[in-house]
PDB file of N, CA and C in Angstrom:
ATOM      1  N   UNK A   1      31.150 -36.524  82.488  1.00  0.00           N
ATOM      2  CA  UNK A   1      31.984 -36.620  81.780  1.00  0.00           C
ATOM      3  C   UNK A   1      32.975 -35.150  81.865  1.00  0.00           C
ATOM      4  N   UNK A   2      34.103 -35.333  81.494  1.00  0.00           N
ATOM      5  CA  UNK A   2      34.760 -33.567  81.456  1.00  0.00           C
ATOM      6  C   UNK A   2      34.209 -32.999  81.031  1.00  0.00           C
ATOM      7  N   UNK A   3      34.608 -31.520  81.303  1.00  0.00           N
ATOM      8  CA  UNK A   3      34.597 -30.388  80.778  1.00  0.00           C
ATOM      9  C   UNK A   3      35.223 -29.679  80.162  1.00  0.00           C
ATOM     10  N   UNK A   4      35.506 -29.164  79.445  1.00  0.00           N
ATOM     11  CA  UNK A   4      36.968 -28.227  79.558  1.00  0.00           C
ATOM     12  C   UNK A   4      36.610 -26.796  78.869  1.00  0.00           C
ATOM     13  N   UNK A   5      36.952 -25.403  79.570  1.00  0.00           N
ATOM     14  CA  UNK A   5      36.364 -24.554  79.045  1.00  0.00           C
ATOM     15  C   UNK A   5      37.745 -23.322  79.114  1.00  0.00           C
ATOM     16  N   UNK A   6      37.340 -23.110  77.932  1.00  0.00           N
ATOM     17  CA  UNK A   6      38.912 -21.667  77.120  1.00  0.00           C
ATOM     18  C   UNK A   6      38.129 -20.609  77.078  1.00  0.00           C
ATOM     19  N   UNK A   7      38.656 -19.711  77.762  1.00  0.00           N
ATOM     20  CA  UNK A   7      38.457 -18.111  77.648  1.00  0.00           C
ATOM     21  C   UNK A   7      39.155 -17.646  76.562  1.00  0.00           C
ATOM     22  N   UNK A   8      39.298 -16.576  75.405  1.00  0.00           N
ATOM     23  CA  UNK A   8      39.507 -15.886  75.016  1.00  0.00           C
ATOM     24  C   UNK A   8      38.599 -14.740  74.818  1.00  0.00           C
ATOM     25  N   UNK A   9      39.971 -13.852  74.059  1.00  0.00           N
ATOM     26  CA  UNK A   9      39.179 -12.014  74.082  1.00  0.00           C
ATOM     27  C   UNK A   9      38.513 -12.056  72.908  1.00  0.00           C
ATOM     28  N   UNK A  10      37.606 -11.568  72.359  1.00  0.00           N
ATOM     29  CA  UNK A  10      36.218 -11.495  71.642  1.00  0.00           C
ATOM     30  C   UNK A  10      36.882 -10.914  70.469  1.00  0.00           C
ATOM     31  N   UNK A  11      36.864 -11.527  68.832  1.00  0.00           N
ATOM     32  CA  UNK A  11      37.177 -10.848  68.010  1.00  0.00           C
ATOM     33  C   UNK A  11      38.974 -11.378  67.519  1.00  0.00           C
ATOM     34  N   UNK A  12      39.217 -12.774  68.562  1.00  0.00           N
ATOM     35  CA  UNK A  12      40.560 -13.231  67.863  1.00  0.00           C
ATOM     36  C   UNK A  12      40.586 -14.572  67.415  1.00  0.00           C
ATOM     37  N   UNK A  13      39.663 -14.992  67.735  1.00  0.00           N
ATOM     38  CA  UNK A  13      39.341 -16.253  67.035  1.00  0.00           C
ATOM     39  C   UNK A  13      38.267 -16.463  66.180  1.00  0.00           C
ATOM     40  N   UNK A  14      38.192 -16.841  64.781  1.00  0.00           N
ATOM     41  CA  UNK A  14      36.728 -16.644  63.961  1.00  0.00           C
ATOM     42  C   UNK A  14      36.125 -18.041  64.266  1.00  0.00           C
ATOM     43  N   UNK A  15      34.762 -18.310  63.979  1.00  0.00           N
ATOM     44  CA  UNK A  15      34.207 -19.967  64.146  1.00  0.00           C
ATOM     45  C   UNK A  15      35.103 -21.004  63.434  1.00  0.00           C
ATOM     46  N   UNK A  16      35.887 -21.069  62.444  1.00  0.00           N
ATOM     47  CA  UNK A  16      36.576 -21.880  62.077  1.00  0.00           C
ATOM     48  C   UNK A  16      37.575 -22.259  63.025  1.00  0.00           C
ATOM     49  N   UNK A  17      38.693 -21.336  63.416  1.00  0.00           N
ATOM     50  CA  UNK A  17      39.221 -21.267  64.360  1.00  0.00           C
ATOM     51  C   UNK A  17      39.066 -22.363  65.735  1.00  0.00           C
ATOM     52  N   UNK A  18      37.665 -21.562  66.134  1.00  0.00           N
ATOM     53  CA  UNK A  18      37.112 -22.474  67.055  1.00  0.00           C
ATOM     54  C   UNK A  18      37.298 -23.963  67.466  1.00  0.00           C
ATOM     55  N   UNK A  19      36.827 -24.150  65.816  1.00  0.00           N
ATOM     56  CA  UNK A  19      35.974 -25.502  65.986  1.00  0.00           C
ATOM     57  C   UNK A  19      37.100 -26.642  65.441  1.00  0.00           C
ATOM     58  N   UNK A  20      38.314 -26.041  65.357  1.00  0.00           N
ATOM     59  CA  UNK A  20      39.822 -26.344  65.035  1.00  0.00           C
ATOM     60  C   UNK A  20      40.184 -26.753  66.681  1.00  0.00           C
ATOM     61  N   UNK A  21      39.911 -25.425  67.558  1.00  0.00           N
ATOM     62  CA  UNK A  21      40.358 -25.515  68.450  1.00  0.00           C
ATOM     63  C   UNK A  21      39.595 -26.845  69.277  1.00  0.00           C
ATOM     64  N   UNK A  22      38.282 -26.360  69.415  1.00  0.00           N
ATOM     65  CA  UNK A  22      37.553 -27.851  70.298  1.00  0.00           C
ATOM     66  C   UNK A  22      37.890 -28.902  69.639  1.00  0.00           C
ATOM     67  N   UNK A  23      38.088 -29.161  68.529  1.00  0.00           N
ATOM     68  CA  UNK A  23      38.424 -30.276  67.673  1.00  0.00           C
ATOM     69  C   UNK A  23      40.167 -31.205  68.110  1.00  0.00           C
ATOM     70  N   UNK A  24      40.670 -30.098  68.270  1.00  0.00           N
ATOM     71  CA  UNK A  24      41.998 -30.622  68.602  1.00  0.00           C
ATOM     72  C   UNK A  24      42.160 -30.460  70.376  1.00  0.00           C
ATOM     73  N   UNK A  25      41.709 -30.146  71.060  1.00  0.00           N
ATOM     74  CA  UNK A  25      41.579 -30.252  72.527  1.00  0.00           C
ATOM     75  C   UNK A  25      41.098 -31.387  72.718  1.00  0.00           C
ATOM     76  N   UNK A  26      40.087 -31.853  72.282  1.00  0.00           N
ATOM     77  CA  UNK A  26      39.221 -32.978  72.514  1.00  0.00           C
ATOM     78  C   UNK A  26      40.188 -34.271  72.230  1.00  0.00           C
ATOM     79  N   UNK A  27      40.448 -34.026  70.935  1.00  0.00           N
ATOM     80  CA  UNK A  27      41.692 -35.356  70.901  1.00  0.00           C
ATOM     81  C   UNK A  27      42.541 -35.447  71.571  1.00  0.00           C
ATOM     82  N   UNK A  28      43.562 -34.020  72.252  1.00  0.00           N
ATOM     83  CA  UNK A  28      44.683 -34.393  73.017  1.00  0.00           C
ATOM     84  C   UNK A  28      44.067 -35.237  74.536  1.00  0.00           C
ATOM     85  N   UNK A  29      42.936 -34.626  74.865  1.00  0.00           N
ATOM     86  CA  UNK A  29      42.842 -35.293  76.222  1.00  0.00           C
ATOM     87  C   UNK A  29      42.177 -36.467  76.086  1.00  0.00           C
ATOM     88  N   UNK A  30      41.812 -36.862  74.962  1.00  0.00           N
ATOM     89  CA  UNK A  30      41.771 -38.049  74.513  1.00  0.00           C
ATOM     90  C   UNK A  30      42.625 -39.230  74.569  1.00  0.00           C
ATOM     91  N   UNK A  31      43.638 -38.427  74.168  1.00  0.00           N
ATOM     92  CA  UNK A  31      45.185 -39.053  73.675  1.00  0.00           C
ATOM     93  C   UNK A  31      45.784 -39.624  75.745  1.00  0.00           C
ATOM     94  N   UNK A  32      45.299 -38.944  76.124  1.00  0.00           N
ATOM     95  CA  UNK A  32      45.855 -39.225  77.602  1.00  0.00           C
ATOM     96  C   UNK A  32      44.551 -39.914  78.261  1.00  0.00           C
ATOM     97  N   UNK A  33      43.431 -39.609  78.505  1.00  0.00           N
ATOM     98  CA  UNK A  33      42.170 -40.157  78.906  1.00  0.00           C
ATOM     99  C   UNK A  33      41.365 -41.405  78.157  1.00  0.00           C
ATOM    100  N   UNK A  34      41.720 -41.566  76.787  1.00  0.00           N
ATOM    101  CA  UNK A  34      41.140 -42.465  76.114  1.00  0.00           C
ATOM    102  C   UNK A  34      39.810 -42.789  75.662  1.00  0.00           C
ATOM    103  N   UNK A  35      39.566 -42.751  74.976  1.00  0.00           N
ATOM    104  CA  UNK A  35      38.233 -42.683  73.271  1.00  0.00           C
ATOM    105  C   UNK A  35      37.382 -42.712  74.038  1.00  0.00           C
ATOM    106  N   UNK A  36      36.816 -43.445  75.076  1.00  0.00           N
ATOM    107  CA  UNK A  36      35.475 -43.486  75.802  1.00  0.00           C
ATOM    108  C   UNK A  36      35.390 -42.222  76.549  1.00  0.00           C
ATOM    109  N   UNK A  37      36.101 -41.756  77.123  1.00  0.00           N
ATOM    110  CA  UNK A  37      36.332 -40.841  77.672  1.00  0.00           C
ATOM    111  C   UNK A  37      36.544 -39.092  76.914  1.00  0.00           C
ATOM    112  N   UNK A  38      36.970 -39.666  76.055  1.00  0.00           N
ATOM    113  CA  UNK A  38      36.985 -37.963  75.377  1.00  0.00           C
ATOM    114  C   UNK A  38      35.572 -37.986  74.126  1.00  0.00           C
ATOM    115  N   UNK A  39      34.805 -39.175  74.001  1.00  0.00           N
ATOM    116  CA  UNK A  39      33.398 -39.006  73.304  1.00  0.00           C
ATOM    117  C   UNK A  39      32.622 -38.276  74.313  1.00  0.00           C
ATOM    118  N   UNK A  40      32.728 -38.391  75.595  1.00  0.00           N
ATOM    119  CA  UNK A  40      32.179 -37.978  76.483  1.00  0.00           C
ATOM    120  C   UNK A  40      32.728 -36.843  77.273  1.00  0.00           C
ATOM    121  N   UNK A  41      33.658 -35.804  76.267  1.00  0.00           N
ATOM    122  CA  UNK A  41      33.907 -34.847  76.561  1.00  0.00           C
ATOM    123  C   UNK A  41      33.370 -33.271  76.524  1.00  0.00           C
ATOM    124  N   UNK A  42      33.096 -32.688  76.826  1.00  0.00           N
ATOM    125  CA  UNK A  42      32.721 -31.054  76.329  1.00  0.00           C
ATOM    126  C   UNK A  42      33.648 -30.211  76.582  1.00  0.00           C
ATOM    127  N   UNK A  43      33.651 -29.019  75.020  1.00  0.00           N
ATOM    128  CA  UNK A  43      34.815 -28.325  75.377  1.00  0.00           C
ATOM    129  C   UNK A  43      33.812 -27.045  74.668  1.00  0.00           C
ATOM    130  N   UNK A  44      34.152 -25.394  75.818  1.00  0.00           N
ATOM    131  CA  UNK A  44      33.411 -24.640  75.592  1.00  0.00           C
ATOM    132  C   UNK A  44      34.208 -23.526  75.636  1.00  0.00           C
ATOM    133  N   UNK A  45      34.111 -22.857  74.274  1.00  0.00           N
ATOM    134  CA  UNK A  45      35.148 -21.215  74.229  1.00  0.00           C
ATOM    135  C   UNK A  45      34.004 -20.247  74.268  1.00  0.00           C
ATOM    136  N   UNK A  46      34.427 -19.243  75.327  1.00  0.00           N
ATOM    137  CA  UNK A  46      33.958 -18.488  76.028  1.00  0.00           C
ATOM    138  C   UNK A  46      34.330 -16.958  75.643  1.00  0.00           C
ATOM    139  N   UNK A  47      34.049 -15.981  74.867  1.00  0.00           N
ATOM    140  CA  UNK A  47      34.435 -15.198  74.451  1.00  0.00           C
ATOM    141  C   UNK A  47      34.434 -13.915  75.645  1.00  0.00           C
ATOM    142  N   UNK A  48      35.683 -13.123  76.270  1.00  0.00           N
ATOM    143  CA  UNK A  48      35.402 -12.111  77.144  1.00  0.00           C
ATOM    144  C   UNK A  48      35.929 -11.168  76.448  1.00  0.00           C
ATOM    145  N   UNK A  49      35.101  -9.909  76.904  1.00  0.00           N
ATOM    146  CA  UNK A  49      35.012  -8.532  76.396  1.00  0.00           C
ATOM    147  C   UNK A  49      36.076  -8.325  76.105  1.00  0.00           C
ATOM    148  N   UNK A  50      36.957  -7.150  74.887  1.00  0.00           N
ATOM    149  CA  UNK A  50      37.772  -6.585  75.064  1.00  0.00           C
ATOM    150  C   UNK A  50      37.971  -5.599  76.003  1.00  0.00           C
ATOM    151  N   UNK A  51      39.441  -5.656  76.792  1.00  0.00           N
ATOM    152  CA  UNK A  51      39.464  -4.801  77.921  1.00  0.00           C
ATOM    153  C   UNK A  51      38.690  -5.270  79.109  1.00  0.00           C
ATOM    154  N   UNK A  52      38.367  -6.458  79.646  1.00  0.00           N
ATOM    155  CA  UNK A  52      38.188  -7.167  80.715  1.00  0.00           C
ATOM    156  C   UNK A  52      39.059  -8.169  80.876  1.00  0.00           C
ATOM    157  N   UNK A  53      40.093  -8.507  80.493  1.00  0.00           N
ATOM    158  CA  UNK A  53      40.702  -9.299  81.041  1.00  0.00           C
ATOM    159  C   UNK A  53      42.104  -8.437  81.352  1.00  0.00           C
ATOM    160  N   UNK A  54      42.810  -9.231  82.431  1.00  0.00           N
ATOM    161  CA  UNK A  54      43.893  -8.411  82.952  1.00  0.00           C
ATOM    162  C   UNK A  54      45.200  -9.617  83.002  1.00  0.00           C
ATOM    163  N   UNK A  55      46.232  -9.182  82.595  1.00  0.00           N
ATOM    164  CA  UNK A  55      47.171 -10.130  83.129  1.00  0.00           C
ATOM    165  C   UNK A  55      48.457  -9.209  83.222  1.00  0.00           C
ATOM    166  N   UNK A  56      49.140  -9.532  84.442  1.00  0.00           N
ATOM    167  CA  UNK A  56      50.401  -9.367  84.948  1.00  0.00           C
ATOM    168  C   UNK A  56      50.012  -7.691  85.544  1.00  0.00           C
ATOM    169  N   UNK A  57      48.833  -7.333  85.608  1.00  0.00           N
ATOM    170  CA  UNK A  57      48.281  -6.153  86.160  1.00  0.00           C
ATOM    171  C   UNK A  57      47.949  -4.961  85.166  1.00  0.00           C
ATOM    172  N   UNK A  58      48.190  -5.536  83.549  1.00  0.00           N
ATOM    173  CA  UNK A  58      47.904  -5.060  82.437  1.00  0.00           C
ATOM    174  C   UNK A  58      46.564  -5.402  82.019  1.00  0.00           C
ATOM    175  N   UNK A  59      45.824  -4.496  81.240  1.00  0.00           N
ATOM    176  CA  UNK A  59      44.324  -4.708  80.669  1.00  0.00           C
ATOM    177  C   UNK A  59      44.974  -5.282  79.173  1.00  0.00           C
ATOM    178  N   UNK A  60      43.987  -6.293  78.934  1.00  0.00           N
ATOM    179  CA  UNK A  60      44.505  -7.033  77.307  1.00  0.00           C
ATOM    180  C   UNK A  60      43.423  -6.513  76.652  1.00  0.00           C
ATOM    181  N   UNK A  61      43.560  -6.054  75.727  1.00  0.00           N
ATOM    182  CA  UNK A  61      42.552  -5.494  74.281  1.00  0.00           C
ATOM    183  C   UNK A  61      42.521  -6.868  73.057  1.00  0.00           C
ATOM    184  N   UNK A  62      41.479  -7.015  72.662  1.00  0.00           N
ATOM    185  CA  UNK A  62      41.869  -7.513  70.980  1.00  0.00           C
ATOM    186  C   UNK A  62      42.522  -7.395  70.419  1.00  0.00           C
ATOM    187  N   UNK A  63      42.990  -6.111  70.128  1.00  0.00           N
ATOM    188  CA  UNK A  63      44.414  -5.773  69.619  1.00  0.00           C
ATOM    189  C   UNK A  63      45.526  -6.153  70.042  1.00  0.00           C
ATOM    190  N   UNK A  64      45.835  -6.272  71.590  1.00  0.00           N
ATOM    191  CA  UNK A  64      46.684  -7.135  71.893  1.00  0.00           C
ATOM    192  C   UNK A  64      46.699  -8.507  71.903  1.00  0.00           C
ATOM    193  N   UNK A  65      45.689  -8.949  71.738  1.00  0.00           N
ATOM    194  CA  UNK A  65      45.908 -10.714  71.323  1.00  0.00           C
ATOM    195  C   UNK A  65      45.998 -10.650  69.871  1.00  0.00           C
ATOM    196  N   UNK A  66      45.329  -9.657  69.193  1.00  0.00           N
ATOM    197  CA  UNK A  66      45.789 -10.214  67.902  1.00  0.00           C
ATOM    198  C   UNK A  66      47.337 -10.136  67.589  1.00  0.00           C
ATOM    199  N   UNK A  67      48.055  -9.064  67.933  1.00  0.00           N
ATOM    200  CA  UNK A  67      49.508  -8.733  67.934  1.00  0.00           C
ATOM    201  C   UNK A  67      50.056  -9.796  67.877  1.00  0.00           C
ATOM    202  N   UNK A  68      49.544 -10.644  69.495  1.00  0.00           N
ATOM    203  CA  UNK A  68      50.282 -11.922  70.022  1.00  0.00           C
ATOM    204  C   UNK A  68      50.273 -12.824  68.995  1.00  0.00           C
ATOM    205  N   UNK A  69      49.092 -12.801  68.829  1.00  0.00           N
ATOM    206  CA  UNK A  69      48.458 -14.042  67.330  1.00  0.00           C
ATOM    207  C   UNK A  69      49.610 -13.743  66.246  1.00  0.00           C
ATOM    208  N   UNK A  70      49.622 -12.562  65.959  1.00  0.00           N
ATOM    209  CA  UNK A  70      50.605 -12.550  64.481  1.00  0.00           C
ATOM    210  C   UNK A  70      51.993 -12.951  64.755  1.00  0.00           C
ATOM    211  N   UNK A  71      52.586 -13.023  66.319  1.00  0.00           N
ATOM    212  CA  UNK A  71      53.655 -13.134  66.353  1.00  0.00           C
ATOM    213  C   UNK A  71      54.199 -14.760  66.026  1.00  0.00           C
ATOM    214  N   UNK A  72      52.986 -15.323  66.767  1.00  0.00           N
ATOM    215  CA  UNK A  72      53.098 -16.610  66.294  1.00  0.00           C
ATOM    216  C   UNK A  72      53.565 -17.508  67.246  1.00  0.00           C
TER     217      UNK A  72
END
């Protein structure tokens, strides 16, 4: 069945945030694919070490991601 992988910088989302992301992503996927497929969907959130992520040639840190998140 479907497998969805989400990568985030470590320290940006706590366990409660991650649980909410997993639930909501599964629900959103199910709204398109159907309930039967949603029930077989696997969602994983992988933490990437701060400084080990690049975007547009720039290195991102946990502090950068927290600042982005604070902006909403």
